[in-house]
PDB file of N, CA and C in Angstrom:
ATOM      1  N   MET A   1       0.852  -1.177   0.000  1.00  0.00           N
ATOM      2  CA  MET A   1       0.000   0.000   0.000  1.00  0.00           C
ATOM      3  C   MET A   1       0.899   1.241   0.000  1.00  0.00           C
ATOM      4  N   LYS A   2       0.621   2.141  -0.870  1.00  0.00           N
ATOM      5  CA  LYS A   2       1.437   3.338  -1.022  1.00  0.00           C
ATOM      6  C   LYS A   2       0.918   4.457  -0.115  1.00  0.00           C
ATOM      7  N   ASN A   3       1.833   5.165   0.516  1.00  0.00           N
ATOM      8  CA  ASN A   3       1.480   6.269   1.401  1.00  0.00           C
ATOM      9  C   ASN A   3       1.176   7.500   0.547  1.00  0.00           C
ATOM     10  N   THR A   4      -0.033   8.048   0.641  1.00  0.00           N
ATOM     11  CA  THR A   4      -0.427   9.203  -0.176  1.00  0.00           C
ATOM     12  C   THR A   4      -0.200  10.526   0.534  1.00  0.00           C
ATOM     13  N   ILE A   5       0.152  10.493   1.806  1.00  0.00           N
ATOM     14  CA  ILE A   5       0.392  11.723   2.552  1.00  0.00           C
ATOM     15  C   ILE A   5       1.806  12.210   2.224  1.00  0.00           C
ATOM     16  N   PRO A   6       1.954  13.455   1.739  1.00  0.00           N
ATOM     17  CA  PRO A   6       3.305  13.940   1.420  1.00  0.00           C
ATOM     18  C   PRO A   6       4.112  14.152   2.701  1.00  0.00           C
ATOM     19  N   GLU A   7       5.394  13.812   2.618  1.00  0.00           N
ATOM     20  CA  GLU A   7       6.267  13.971   3.772  1.00  0.00           C
ATOM     21  C   GLU A   7       6.685  15.423   3.926  1.00  0.00           C
ATOM     22  N   LYS A   8       6.832  15.853   5.175  1.00  0.00           N
ATOM     23  CA  LYS A   8       7.299  17.218   5.444  1.00  0.00           C
ATOM     24  C   LYS A   8       8.795  17.280   5.184  1.00  0.00           C
ATOM     25  N   PRO A   9       9.299  18.412   4.724  1.00  0.00           N
ATOM     26  CA  PRO A   9      10.739  18.503   4.483  1.00  0.00           C
ATOM     27  C   PRO A   9      11.526  18.439   5.794  1.00  0.00           C
ATOM     28  N   VAL A  10      12.679  17.827   5.726  1.00  0.00           N
ATOM     29  CA  VAL A  10      13.520  17.687   6.912  1.00  0.00           C
ATOM     30  C   VAL A  10      14.312  18.974   7.139  1.00  0.00           C
ATOM     31  N   LYS A  11      14.877  19.527   6.066  1.00  0.00           N
ATOM     32  CA  LYS A  11      15.637  20.768   6.156  1.00  0.00           C
ATOM     33  C   LYS A  11      14.935  21.831   5.317  1.00  0.00           C
ATOM     34  N   PHE A  12      14.764  23.026   5.912  1.00  0.00           N
ATOM     35  CA  PHE A  12      14.173  24.130   5.174  1.00  0.00           C
ATOM     36  C   PHE A  12      14.617  25.452   5.770  1.00  0.00           C
ATOM     37  N   GLU A  13      14.443  26.533   4.998  1.00  0.00           N
ATOM     38  CA  GLU A  13      14.841  27.881   5.419  1.00  0.00           C
ATOM     39  C   GLU A  13      13.655  28.825   5.302  1.00  0.00           C
ATOM     40  N   VAL A  14      13.608  29.788   6.215  1.00  0.00           N
ATOM     41  CA  VAL A  14      12.609  30.851   6.168  1.00  0.00           C
ATOM     42  C   VAL A  14      13.380  32.165   6.169  1.00  0.00           C
ATOM     43  N   THR A  15      13.045  33.063   5.232  1.00  0.00           N
ATOM     44  CA  THR A  15      13.766  34.326   5.084  1.00  0.00           C
ATOM     45  C   THR A  15      12.863  35.486   5.475  1.00  0.00           C
ATOM     46  N   TYR A  16      13.390  36.368   6.319  1.00  0.00           N
ATOM     47  CA  TYR A  16      12.702  37.586   6.740  1.00  0.00           C
ATOM     48  C   TYR A  16      13.539  38.780   6.286  1.00  0.00           C
ATOM     49  N   GLU A  17      12.878  39.822   5.786  1.00  0.00           N
ATOM     50  CA  GLU A  17      13.613  41.000   5.338  1.00  0.00           C
ATOM     51  C   GLU A  17      12.952  42.255   5.896  1.00  0.00           C
ATOM     52  N   ASP A  18      13.789  43.178   6.406  1.00  0.00           N
ATOM     53  CA  ASP A  18      13.296  44.476   6.856  1.00  0.00           C
ATOM     54  C   ASP A  18      14.260  45.550   6.376  1.00  0.00           C
ATOM     55  N   ASP A  19      14.143  46.753   6.918  1.00  0.00           N
ATOM     56  CA  ASP A  19      14.968  47.878   6.457  1.00  0.00           C
ATOM     57  C   ASP A  19      16.448  47.697   6.777  1.00  0.00           C
ATOM     58  N   GLU A  20      16.758  47.005   7.854  1.00  0.00           N
ATOM     59  CA  GLU A  20      18.127  46.913   8.335  1.00  0.00           C
ATOM     60  C   GLU A  20      18.874  45.674   7.863  1.00  0.00           C
ATOM     61  N   CYS A  21      18.197  44.528   7.782  1.00  0.00           N
ATOM     62  CA  CYS A  21      18.912  43.298   7.456  1.00  0.00           C
ATOM     63  C   CYS A  21      17.996  42.252   6.832  1.00  0.00           C
ATOM     64  N   ILE A  22      18.624  41.184   6.369  1.00  0.00           N
ATOM     65  CA  ILE A  22      17.924  40.003   5.879  1.00  0.00           C
ATOM     66  C   ILE A  22      18.289  38.873   6.842  1.00  0.00           C
ATOM     67  N   SER A  23      17.293  38.256   7.444  1.00  0.00           N
ATOM     68  CA  SER A  23      17.521  37.172   8.395  1.00  0.00           C
ATOM     69  C   SER A  23      17.090  35.856   7.756  1.00  0.00           C
ATOM     70  N   ILE A  24      17.971  34.861   7.827  1.00  0.00           N
ATOM     71  CA  ILE A  24      17.668  33.543   7.291  1.00  0.00           C
ATOM     72  C   ILE A  24      17.648  32.561   8.454  1.00  0.00           C
ATOM     73  N   TRP A  25      16.479  31.966   8.704  1.00  0.00           N
ATOM     74  CA  TRP A  25      16.307  30.998   9.776  1.00  0.00           C
ATOM     75  C   TRP A  25      16.355  29.610   9.156  1.00  0.00           C
ATOM     76  N   LYS A  26      17.310  28.781   9.601  1.00  0.00           N
ATOM     77  CA  LYS A  26      17.493  27.451   9.047  1.00  0.00           C
ATOM     78  C   LYS A  26      16.993  26.409  10.043  1.00  0.00           C
ATOM     79  N   TYR A  27      16.134  25.508   9.561  1.00  0.00           N
ATOM     80  CA  TYR A  27      15.537  24.475  10.395  1.00  0.00           C
ATOM     81  C   TYR A  27      15.997  23.096   9.937  1.00  0.00           C
ATOM     82  N   ASN A  28      16.140  22.162  10.880  1.00  0.00           N
ATOM     83  CA  ASN A  28      16.454  20.775  10.595  1.00  0.00           C
ATOM     84  C   ASN A  28      15.672  19.939  11.600  1.00  0.00           C
ATOM     85  N   THR A  29      14.607  19.283  11.143  1.00  0.00           N
ATOM     86  CA  THR A  29      13.740  18.539  12.063  1.00  0.00           C
ATOM     87  C   THR A  29      14.387  17.247  12.564  1.00  0.00           C
ATOM     88  N   ASN A  30      15.490  16.823  11.951  1.00  0.00           N
ATOM     89  CA  ASN A  30      16.211  15.661  12.490  1.00  0.00           C
ATOM     90  C   ASN A  30      16.922  16.019  13.785  1.00  0.00           C
ATOM     91  N   LYS A  31      17.345  17.279  13.921  1.00  0.00           N
ATOM     92  CA  LYS A  31      18.063  17.716  15.125  1.00  0.00           C
ATOM     93  C   LYS A  31      17.113  18.190  16.209  1.00  0.00           C
ATOM     94  N   THR A  32      16.146  19.047  15.830  1.00  0.00           N
ATOM     95  CA  THR A  32      15.202  19.576  16.821  1.00  0.00           C
ATOM     96  C   THR A  32      13.926  20.032  16.121  1.00  0.00           C
ATOM     97  N   THR A  33      12.820  19.954  16.830  1.00  0.00           N
ATOM     98  CA  THR A  33      11.553  20.464  16.311  1.00  0.00           C
ATOM     99  C   THR A  33      11.116  21.712  17.073  1.00  0.00           C
ATOM    100  N   ALA A  34      11.938  22.155  18.023  1.00  0.00           N
ATOM    101  CA  ALA A  34      11.570  23.268  18.882  1.00  0.00           C
ATOM    102  C   ALA A  34      11.861  24.634  18.278  1.00  0.00           C
ATOM    103  N   GLY A  35      12.749  24.712  17.292  1.00  0.00           N
ATOM    104  CA  GLY A  35      13.090  26.011  16.743  1.00  0.00           C
ATOM    105  C   GLY A  35      14.177  25.889  15.697  1.00  0.00           C
ATOM    106  N   PRO A  36      14.716  27.032  15.276  1.00  0.00           N
ATOM    107  CA  PRO A  36      15.745  26.988  14.234  1.00  0.00           C
ATOM    108  C   PRO A  36      17.067  26.433  14.757  1.00  0.00           C
ATOM    109  N   VAL A  37      17.801  25.826  13.854  1.00  0.00           N
ATOM    110  CA  VAL A  37      19.121  25.304  14.177  1.00  0.00           C
ATOM    111  C   VAL A  37      20.162  26.402  14.047  1.00  0.00           C
ATOM    112  N   GLU A  38      19.937  27.314  13.089  1.00  0.00           N
ATOM    113  CA  GLU A  38      20.893  28.383  12.823  1.00  0.00           C
ATOM    114  C   GLU A  38      20.134  29.607  12.320  1.00  0.00           C
ATOM    115  N   VAL A  39      20.587  30.792  12.745  1.00  0.00           N
ATOM    116  CA  VAL A  39      20.015  32.052  12.251  1.00  0.00           C
ATOM    117  C   VAL A  39      21.165  32.882  11.705  1.00  0.00           C
ATOM    118  N   GLU A  40      21.006  33.337  10.468  1.00  0.00           N
ATOM    119  CA  GLU A  40      22.047  34.128   9.811  1.00  0.00           C
ATOM    120  C   GLU A  40      21.497  35.512   9.504  1.00  0.00           C
ATOM    121  N   HIS A  41      22.240  36.547   9.901  1.00  0.00           N
ATOM    122  CA  HIS A  41      21.851  37.933   9.628  1.00  0.00           C
ATOM    123  C   HIS A  41      22.780  38.515   8.573  1.00  0.00           C
ATOM    124  N   ARG A  42      22.205  39.052   7.528  1.00  0.00           N
ATOM    125  CA  ARG A  42      22.985  39.739   6.503  1.00  0.00           C
ATOM    126  C   ARG A  42      22.570  41.200   6.533  1.00  0.00           C
ATOM    127  N   TRP A  43      23.466  42.048   7.039  1.00  0.00           N
ATOM    128  CA  TRP A  43      23.163  43.467   7.185  1.00  0.00           C
ATOM    129  C   TRP A  43      23.258  44.159   5.838  1.00  0.00           C
ATOM    130  N   LYS A  44      22.343  45.068   5.585  1.00  0.00           N
ATOM    131  CA  LYS A  44      22.347  45.826   4.342  1.00  0.00           C
ATOM    132  C   LYS A  44      23.415  46.918   4.407  1.00  0.00           C
ATOM    133  N   ARG A  45      23.943  47.283   3.262  1.00  0.00           N
ATOM    134  CA  ARG A  45      25.021  48.278   3.221  1.00  0.00           C
ATOM    135  C   ARG A  45      24.577  49.637   3.752  1.00  0.00           C
ATOM    136  N   SER A  46      23.322  49.971   3.552  1.00  0.00           N
ATOM    137  CA  SER A  46      22.834  51.278   3.993  1.00  0.00           C
ATOM    138  C   SER A  46      22.679  51.363   5.514  1.00  0.00           C
ATOM    139  N   TYR A  47      22.643  50.229   6.203  1.00  0.00           N
ATOM    140  CA  TYR A  47      22.453  50.219   7.654  1.00  0.00           C
ATOM    141  C   TYR A  47      23.795  50.380   8.355  1.00  0.00           C
ATOM    142  N   ASN A  48      23.891  51.369   9.218  1.00  0.00           N
ATOM    143  CA  ASN A  48      25.104  51.610   9.991  1.00  0.00           C
ATOM    144  C   ASN A  48      24.706  51.822  11.452  1.00  0.00           C
ATOM    145  N   PRO A  49      24.834  50.800  12.299  1.00  0.00           N
ATOM    146  CA  PRO A  49      24.396  50.936  13.692  1.00  0.00           C
ATOM    147  C   PRO A  49      25.253  51.886  14.519  1.00  0.00           C
ATOM    148  N   TRP A  50      26.459  52.228  14.035  1.00  0.00           N
ATOM    149  CA  TRP A  50      27.351  53.093  14.808  1.00  0.00           C
ATOM    150  C   TRP A  50      27.008  54.569  14.638  1.00  0.00           C
ATOM    151  N   ASP A  51      26.089  54.908  13.744  1.00  0.00           N
ATOM    152  CA  ASP A  51      25.651  56.289  13.603  1.00  0.00           C
ATOM    153  C   ASP A  51      24.730  56.710  14.747  1.00  0.00           C
ATOM    154  N   LYS A  52      24.069  55.760  15.354  1.00  0.00           N
ATOM    155  CA  LYS A  52      23.115  56.060  16.417  1.00  0.00           C
ATOM    156  C   LYS A  52      23.852  56.218  17.748  1.00  0.00           C
ATOM    157  N   LYS A  53      23.608  57.352  18.411  1.00  0.00           N
ATOM    158  CA  LYS A  53      24.239  57.599  19.703  1.00  0.00           C
ATOM    159  C   LYS A  53      23.360  57.017  20.799  1.00  0.00           C
ATOM    160  N   LYS A  54      23.957  56.238  21.684  1.00  0.00           N
ATOM    161  CA  LYS A  54      23.210  55.678  22.802  1.00  0.00           C
ATOM    162  C   LYS A  54      23.063  56.733  23.885  1.00  0.00           C
ATOM    163  N   LYS A  55      21.904  56.740  24.524  1.00  0.00           N
ATOM    164  CA  LYS A  55      21.643  57.703  25.579  1.00  0.00           C
ATOM    165  C   LYS A  55      22.134  57.166  26.914  1.00  0.00           C
ATOM    166  N   THR A  56      22.654  58.057  27.724  1.00  0.00           N
ATOM    167  CA  THR A  56      23.100  57.678  29.061  1.00  0.00           C
ATOM    168  C   THR A  56      21.906  57.664  30.005  1.00  0.00           C
ATOM    169  N   LEU A  57      22.114  57.108  31.193  1.00  0.00           N
ATOM    170  CA  LEU A  57      21.035  57.084  32.182  1.00  0.00           C
ATOM    171  C   LEU A  57      20.615  58.497  32.579  1.00  0.00           C
ATOM    172  N   GLY A  58      21.574  59.409  32.644  1.00  0.00           N
ATOM    173  CA  GLY A  58      21.254  60.797  32.987  1.00  0.00           C
ATOM    174  C   GLY A  58      20.362  61.441  31.939  1.00  0.00           C
ATOM    175  N   GLU A  59      20.658  61.185  30.652  1.00  0.00           N
ATOM    176  CA  GLU A  59      19.824  61.742  29.569  1.00  0.00           C
ATOM    177  C   GLU A  59      18.426  61.150  29.596  1.00  0.00           C
ATOM    178  N   LEU A  60      18.323  59.855  29.867  1.00  0.00           N
ATOM    179  CA  LEU A  60      17.005  59.220  29.948  1.00  0.00           C
ATOM    180  C   LEU A  60      16.199  59.761  31.131  1.00  0.00           C
ATOM    181  N   ALA A  61      16.877  60.011  32.260  1.00  0.00           N
ATOM    182  CA  ALA A  61      16.193  60.551  33.435  1.00  0.00           C
ATOM    183  C   ALA A  61      15.682  61.966  33.161  1.00  0.00           C
ATOM    184  N   LYS A  62      16.480  62.783  32.468  1.00  0.00           N
ATOM    185  CA  LYS A  62      16.052  64.137  32.116  1.00  0.00           C
ATOM    186  C   LYS A  62      14.829  64.122  31.201  1.00  0.00           C
ATOM    187  N   GLU A  63      14.805  63.171  30.255  1.00  0.00           N
ATOM    188  CA  GLU A  63      13.657  63.068  29.356  1.00  0.00           C
ATOM    189  C   GLU A  63      12.390  62.695  30.108  1.00  0.00           C
ATOM    190  N   MET A  64      12.527  61.806  31.097  1.00  0.00           N
ATOM    191  CA  MET A  64      11.369  61.400  31.888  1.00  0.00           C
ATOM    192  C   MET A  64      10.836  62.543  32.740  1.00  0.00           C
ATOM    193  N   LYS A  65      11.739  63.393  33.259  1.00  0.00           N
ATOM    194  CA  LYS A  65      11.311  64.554  34.045  1.00  0.00           C
ATOM    195  C   LYS A  65      10.571  65.546  33.166  1.00  0.00           C
ATOM    196  N   LYS A  66      11.035  65.725  31.927  1.00  0.00           N
ATOM    197  CA  LYS A  66      10.382  66.661  31.006  1.00  0.00           C
ATOM    198  C   LYS A  66       8.990  66.183  30.632  1.00  0.00           C
ATOM    199  N   LYS A  67       8.803  64.873  30.525  1.00  0.00           N
ATOM    200  CA  LYS A  67       7.491  64.321  30.146  1.00  0.00           C
ATOM    201  C   LYS A  67       6.465  64.489  31.271  1.00  0.00           C
ATOM    202  N   LYS A  68       6.922  64.548  32.531  1.00  0.00           N
ATOM    203  CA  LYS A  68       6.010  64.661  33.678  1.00  0.00           C
ATOM    204  C   LYS A  68       5.539  66.038  33.851  1.00  0.00           C
TER     205      LYS A  68
END
């Protein structure tokens, strides 16, 4: 008797893309069914995370006082 139910793929990839990067999530159901085995991020050339200045705790506290 032949099995008519198609088998699920063992290895597959899911690709997500946004303004900053392309993320590739790689799955292998032989290793785990709980989540991806590997995640790869490919940053776009236009994205530069070092241009953004991080705020200090003092700056964040001042902003909160201004909002109140």
